[in-house]
Amino acid sequence: MVFNKNELMEKVGNMEDLFREMLEIFIEDTPENITNINDAINRKDANKIYEYCHGLKGSSMTICSDNLTNICKLLEQKGRENQLDGIEKLGEQLNLIFNELLIELRKHLE
């Protein structure tokens, strides 16, 4: 699932303003993290891949995005284990999932 609105609304006690604020913060802050992950992948920096994906995994769990959480888990594990074979493909998937998520989140802010 790209994003589970009902689950996030439940987390924030059905407070629409808090829901919107969380989405706005995620939309504002996350592109830099995605850029950092892409740079780490390009440099084959396993430690940074792990570090950045670990942080993004937490953020994606907070806003209830299973797809983004799952790809972050895979990338985080690859970084932790210094297993970088196929990391570029996972990076491409990360970007696709993130772009889909941004589109979905922005719909909820209109």
N, C-alpha and C. Protein backbone atom coordinates (compact mmCIF):
# COMPACT_ATOMS: atom_id res chain seq x y z
N MET A 1 0.85 -1.18 0.00
CA MET A 1 0.00 0.00 0.00
C MET A 1 0.90 1.25 0.00
N VAL A 2 0.56 2.17 -0.85
CA VAL A 2 1.35 3.39 -0.97
C VAL A 2 1.28 4.17 0.34
N PHE A 3 0.09 4.26 0.92
CA PHE A 3 -0.12 5.09 2.10
C PHE A 3 -1.45 4.70 2.72
N ASN A 4 -1.46 4.48 4.03
CA ASN A 4 -2.69 4.08 4.71
C ASN A 4 -3.22 5.26 5.53
N LYS A 5 -4.10 6.01 4.90
CA LYS A 5 -4.65 7.21 5.54
C LYS A 5 -5.38 6.87 6.84
N ASN A 6 -6.17 5.83 6.82
CA ASN A 6 -6.96 5.47 8.00
C ASN A 6 -6.06 5.15 9.19
N GLU A 7 -4.99 4.42 8.93
CA GLU A 7 -4.07 4.07 10.01
C GLU A 7 -3.39 5.32 10.58
N LEU A 8 -2.97 6.22 9.70
CA LEU A 8 -2.33 7.44 10.18
C LEU A 8 -3.32 8.31 10.95
N MET A 9 -4.54 8.42 10.44
CA MET A 9 -5.55 9.20 11.15
C MET A 9 -5.78 8.62 12.55
N GLU A 10 -5.79 7.32 12.65
CA GLU A 10 -5.96 6.68 13.96
C GLU A 10 -4.77 7.02 14.87
N LYS A 11 -3.56 7.01 14.32
CA LYS A 11 -2.37 7.34 15.10
C LYS A 11 -2.43 8.75 15.67
N VAL A 12 -3.01 9.67 14.91
CA VAL A 12 -3.05 11.07 15.35
C VAL A 12 -4.38 11.42 16.02
N GLY A 13 -5.12 10.41 16.42
CA GLY A 13 -6.37 10.65 17.13
C GLY A 13 -7.43 11.35 16.30
N ASN A 14 -7.41 11.09 14.99
CA ASN A 14 -8.37 11.68 14.05
C ASN A 14 -8.31 13.21 14.04
N MET A 15 -7.15 13.74 14.35
CA MET A 15 -6.96 15.20 14.33
C MET A 15 -6.45 15.60 12.95
N GLU A 16 -7.34 16.19 12.17
CA GLU A 16 -7.04 16.53 10.78
C GLU A 16 -5.84 17.47 10.66
N ASP A 17 -5.74 18.45 11.55
CA ASP A 17 -4.63 19.40 11.46
C ASP A 17 -3.28 18.73 11.73
N LEU A 18 -3.24 17.80 12.67
CA LEU A 18 -2.00 17.07 12.94
C LEU A 18 -1.66 16.14 11.78
N PHE A 19 -2.66 15.52 11.21
CA PHE A 19 -2.49 14.67 10.03
C PHE A 19 -1.85 15.47 8.90
N ARG A 20 -2.40 16.62 8.62
CA ARG A 20 -1.88 17.47 7.54
C ARG A 20 -0.46 17.95 7.85
N GLU A 21 -0.21 18.30 9.09
CA GLU A 21 1.13 18.76 9.48
C GLU A 21 2.17 17.65 9.27
N MET A 22 1.82 16.43 9.63
CA MET A 22 2.75 15.31 9.44
C MET A 22 3.06 15.10 7.96
N LEU A 23 2.04 15.19 7.12
CA LEU A 23 2.26 15.04 5.69
C LEU A 23 3.13 16.16 5.15
N GLU A 24 2.85 17.38 5.57
CA GLU A 24 3.63 18.53 5.11
C GLU A 24 5.10 18.40 5.49
N ILE A 25 5.36 18.00 6.71
CA ILE A 25 6.75 17.82 7.17
C ILE A 25 7.44 16.73 6.36
N PHE A 26 6.74 15.62 6.16
CA PHE A 26 7.32 14.53 5.39
C PHE A 26 7.65 14.98 3.97
N ILE A 27 6.72 15.66 3.34
CA ILE A 27 6.91 16.13 1.96
C ILE A 27 8.07 17.13 1.89
N GLU A 28 8.21 17.95 2.90
CA GLU A 28 9.28 18.95 2.90
C GLU A 28 10.65 18.34 3.20
N ASP A 29 10.71 17.43 4.15
CA ASP A 29 12.01 16.92 4.62
C ASP A 29 12.56 15.73 3.84
N THR A 30 11.72 14.91 3.31
CA THR A 30 12.16 13.64 2.75
C THR A 30 12.95 13.72 1.45
N PRO A 31 12.66 14.65 0.55
CA PRO A 31 13.46 14.68 -0.69
C PRO A 31 14.97 14.77 -0.46
N GLU A 32 15.39 15.50 0.56
CA GLU A 32 16.83 15.57 0.86
C GLU A 32 17.37 14.20 1.27
N ASN A 33 16.58 13.47 2.04
CA ASN A 33 17.00 12.14 2.45
C ASN A 33 17.10 11.20 1.24
N ILE A 34 16.14 11.29 0.33
CA ILE A 34 16.18 10.48 -0.89
C ILE A 34 17.43 10.82 -1.70
N THR A 35 17.74 12.10 -1.82
CA THR A 35 18.96 12.52 -2.53
C THR A 35 20.19 11.93 -1.85
N ASN A 36 20.23 11.98 -0.54
CA ASN A 36 21.37 11.42 0.19
C ASN A 36 21.51 9.92 -0.04
N ILE A 37 20.39 9.22 -0.06
CA ILE A 37 20.42 7.78 -0.32
C ILE A 37 20.94 7.51 -1.74
N ASN A 38 20.42 8.25 -2.70
CA ASN A 38 20.88 8.07 -4.09
C ASN A 38 22.37 8.34 -4.23
N ASP A 39 22.85 9.39 -3.57
CA ASP A 39 24.28 9.70 -3.59
C ASP A 39 25.09 8.57 -2.97
N ALA A 40 24.62 8.05 -1.84
CA ALA A 40 25.32 6.94 -1.18
C ALA A 40 25.35 5.70 -2.05
N ILE A 41 24.25 5.44 -2.75
CA ILE A 41 24.21 4.30 -3.67
C ILE A 41 25.21 4.50 -4.79
N ASN A 42 25.24 5.69 -5.36
CA ASN A 42 26.18 5.98 -6.45
C ASN A 42 27.63 5.85 -6.00
N ARG A 43 27.91 6.19 -4.75
CA ARG A 43 29.27 6.08 -4.21
C ARG A 43 29.56 4.69 -3.65
N LYS A 44 28.54 3.84 -3.61
CA LYS A 44 28.66 2.49 -3.01
C LYS A 44 29.11 2.59 -1.56
N ASP A 45 28.53 3.54 -0.84
CA ASP A 45 28.86 3.78 0.56
C ASP A 45 27.86 3.03 1.44
N ALA A 46 28.19 1.81 1.80
CA ALA A 46 27.28 0.94 2.54
C ALA A 46 26.85 1.55 3.86
N ASN A 47 27.78 2.18 4.57
CA ASN A 47 27.44 2.76 5.87
C ASN A 47 26.41 3.87 5.74
N LYS A 48 26.56 4.72 4.75
CA LYS A 48 25.61 5.81 4.54
C LYS A 48 24.27 5.29 4.04
N ILE A 49 24.30 4.28 3.19
CA ILE A 49 23.05 3.66 2.73
C ILE A 49 22.27 3.18 3.95
N TYR A 50 22.98 2.47 4.81
CA TYR A 50 22.34 1.97 6.04
C TYR A 50 21.78 3.12 6.87
N GLU A 51 22.61 4.12 7.12
CA GLU A 51 22.24 5.25 7.98
C GLU A 51 21.02 5.99 7.44
N TYR A 52 21.07 6.37 6.17
CA TYR A 52 19.97 7.15 5.60
C TYR A 52 18.69 6.32 5.47
N CYS A 53 18.82 5.06 5.09
CA CYS A 53 17.63 4.21 4.94
C CYS A 53 17.00 3.89 6.28
N HIS A 54 17.83 3.78 7.30
CA HIS A 54 17.29 3.55 8.64
C HIS A 54 16.41 4.74 9.05
N GLY A 55 16.89 5.94 8.83
CA GLY A 55 16.10 7.13 9.16
C GLY A 55 14.82 7.23 8.35
N LEU A 56 14.94 6.97 7.05
CA LEU A 56 13.76 7.06 6.19
C LEU A 56 12.75 5.97 6.52
N LYS A 57 13.24 4.81 6.92
CA LYS A 57 12.34 3.73 7.32
C LYS A 57 11.46 4.19 8.48
N GLY A 58 12.07 4.85 9.46
CA GLY A 58 11.29 5.34 10.59
C GLY A 58 10.24 6.36 10.17
N SER A 59 10.64 7.28 9.31
CA SER A 59 9.69 8.29 8.83
C SER A 59 8.55 7.66 8.05
N SER A 60 8.88 6.67 7.22
CA SER A 60 7.84 6.04 6.40
C SER A 60 6.89 5.21 7.25
N MET A 61 7.42 4.64 8.33
CA MET A 61 6.54 3.91 9.25
C MET A 61 5.61 4.88 9.97
N THR A 62 6.12 6.05 10.31
CA THR A 62 5.32 7.05 11.02
C THR A 62 4.13 7.49 10.19
N ILE A 63 4.34 7.66 8.87
CA ILE A 63 3.21 8.09 8.04
C ILE A 63 2.45 6.93 7.41
N CYS A 64 2.79 5.70 7.81
CA CYS A 64 2.04 4.50 7.42
C CYS A 64 2.16 4.19 5.92
N SER A 65 3.38 4.23 5.42
CA SER A 65 3.63 3.86 4.03
C SER A 65 4.37 2.53 4.00
N ASP A 66 3.63 1.45 3.85
CA ASP A 66 4.24 0.11 3.85
C ASP A 66 5.23 -0.08 2.71
N ASN A 67 4.89 0.41 1.52
CA ASN A 67 5.78 0.22 0.37
C ASN A 67 7.13 0.88 0.60
N LEU A 68 7.12 2.11 1.08
CA LEU A 68 8.38 2.81 1.32
C LEU A 68 9.13 2.17 2.49
N THR A 69 8.41 1.78 3.51
CA THR A 69 9.05 1.10 4.65
C THR A 69 9.76 -0.16 4.19
N ASN A 70 9.10 -0.95 3.36
CA ASN A 70 9.68 -2.23 2.92
C ASN A 70 10.93 -2.04 2.07
N ILE A 71 10.93 -1.10 1.16
CA ILE A 71 12.12 -0.88 0.33
C ILE A 71 13.25 -0.33 1.18
N CYS A 72 12.92 0.49 2.16
CA CYS A 72 13.95 1.00 3.08
C CYS A 72 14.56 -0.13 3.90
N LYS A 73 13.74 -1.07 4.33
CA LYS A 73 14.25 -2.23 5.07
C LYS A 73 15.25 -3.01 4.22
N LEU A 74 14.91 -3.23 2.96
CA LEU A 74 15.82 -3.96 2.07
C LEU A 74 17.14 -3.22 1.88
N LEU A 75 17.04 -1.94 1.60
CA LEU A 75 18.25 -1.13 1.41
C LEU A 75 19.07 -1.04 2.70
N GLU A 76 18.40 -0.88 3.80
CA GLU A 76 19.07 -0.82 5.10
C GLU A 76 19.86 -2.10 5.36
N GLN A 77 19.24 -3.23 5.09
CA GLN A 77 19.89 -4.53 5.29
C GLN A 77 21.10 -4.68 4.38
N LYS A 78 20.93 -4.29 3.11
CA LYS A 78 22.04 -4.36 2.16
C LYS A 78 23.21 -3.51 2.65
N GLY A 79 22.92 -2.31 3.13
CA GLY A 79 23.96 -1.43 3.64
C GLY A 79 24.63 -2.01 4.88
N ARG A 80 23.83 -2.49 5.80
CA ARG A 80 24.36 -3.06 7.05
C ARG A 80 25.28 -4.24 6.77
N GLU A 81 24.89 -5.06 5.81
CA GLU A 81 25.66 -6.27 5.49
C GLU A 81 26.72 -6.03 4.42
N ASN A 82 26.82 -4.78 3.94
CA ASN A 82 27.77 -4.43 2.87
C ASN A 82 27.59 -5.33 1.65
N GLN A 83 26.35 -5.61 1.33
CA GLN A 83 25.98 -6.43 0.17
C GLN A 83 25.38 -5.50 -0.88
N LEU A 84 26.21 -4.96 -1.75
CA LEU A 84 25.76 -3.91 -2.65
C LEU A 84 25.40 -4.39 -4.05
N ASP A 85 25.45 -5.69 -4.28
CA ASP A 85 24.99 -6.21 -5.57
C ASP A 85 23.51 -5.90 -5.75
N GLY A 86 23.17 -5.32 -6.87
CA GLY A 86 21.78 -5.00 -7.17
C GLY A 86 21.25 -3.77 -6.45
N ILE A 87 22.12 -3.04 -5.79
CA ILE A 87 21.69 -1.89 -5.00
C ILE A 87 21.11 -0.79 -5.88
N GLU A 88 21.62 -0.67 -7.11
CA GLU A 88 21.11 0.37 -8.01
C GLU A 88 19.65 0.12 -8.35
N LYS A 89 19.29 -1.13 -8.57
CA LYS A 89 17.91 -1.49 -8.89
C LYS A 89 16.98 -1.16 -7.72
N LEU A 90 17.45 -1.45 -6.51
CA LEU A 90 16.65 -1.10 -5.33
C LEU A 90 16.52 0.41 -5.20
N GLY A 91 17.57 1.14 -5.55
CA GLY A 91 17.51 2.60 -5.54
C GLY A 91 16.47 3.12 -6.51
N GLU A 92 16.40 2.51 -7.68
CA GLU A 92 15.38 2.90 -8.66
C GLU A 92 13.98 2.64 -8.12
N GLN A 93 13.81 1.49 -7.47
CA GLN A 93 12.51 1.17 -6.88
C GLN A 93 12.16 2.16 -5.78
N LEU A 94 13.14 2.53 -4.97
CA LEU A 94 12.93 3.52 -3.93
C LEU A 94 12.40 4.82 -4.52
N ASN A 95 13.03 5.28 -5.59
CA ASN A 95 12.61 6.53 -6.23
C ASN A 95 11.19 6.44 -6.78
N LEU A 96 10.86 5.33 -7.40
CA LEU A 96 9.50 5.15 -7.94
C LEU A 96 8.46 5.16 -6.82
N ILE A 97 8.75 4.41 -5.78
CA ILE A 97 7.82 4.33 -4.65
C ILE A 97 7.66 5.69 -4.00
N PHE A 98 8.77 6.39 -3.81
CA PHE A 98 8.70 7.71 -3.19
C PHE A 98 7.89 8.68 -4.04
N ASN A 99 8.10 8.67 -5.34
CA ASN A 99 7.34 9.57 -6.22
C ASN A 99 5.86 9.25 -6.20
N GLU A 100 5.50 7.97 -6.18
CA GLU A 100 4.09 7.58 -6.06
C GLU A 100 3.51 8.09 -4.75
N LEU A 101 4.29 7.95 -3.70
CA LEU A 101 3.83 8.37 -2.38
C LEU A 101 3.62 9.89 -2.34
N LEU A 102 4.55 10.64 -2.90
CA LEU A 102 4.39 12.10 -2.92
C LEU A 102 3.09 12.51 -3.60
N ILE A 103 2.80 11.88 -4.72
CA ILE A 103 1.55 12.19 -5.45
C ILE A 103 0.35 11.92 -4.54
N GLU A 104 0.37 10.78 -3.89
CA GLU A 104 -0.75 10.40 -3.01
C GLU A 104 -0.87 11.35 -1.82
N LEU A 105 0.26 11.68 -1.20
CA LEU A 105 0.19 12.56 -0.03
C LEU A 105 -0.31 13.95 -0.40
N ARG A 106 0.14 14.45 -1.54
CA ARG A 106 -0.29 15.78 -1.97
C ARG A 106 -1.80 15.83 -2.22
N LYS A 107 -2.37 14.74 -2.66
CA LYS A 107 -3.83 14.68 -2.86
C LYS A 107 -4.57 14.96 -1.55
N HIS A 108 -3.98 14.50 -0.45
CA HIS A 108 -4.63 14.66 0.85
C HIS A 108 -4.43 16.05 1.44
N LEU A 109 -3.63 16.87 0.76
CA LEU A 109 -3.40 18.24 1.24
C LEU A 109 -4.16 19.27 0.40
N GLU A 110 -4.83 18.81 -0.64
CA GLU A 110 -5.59 19.73 -1.51
C GLU A 110 -6.85 20.20 -0.85
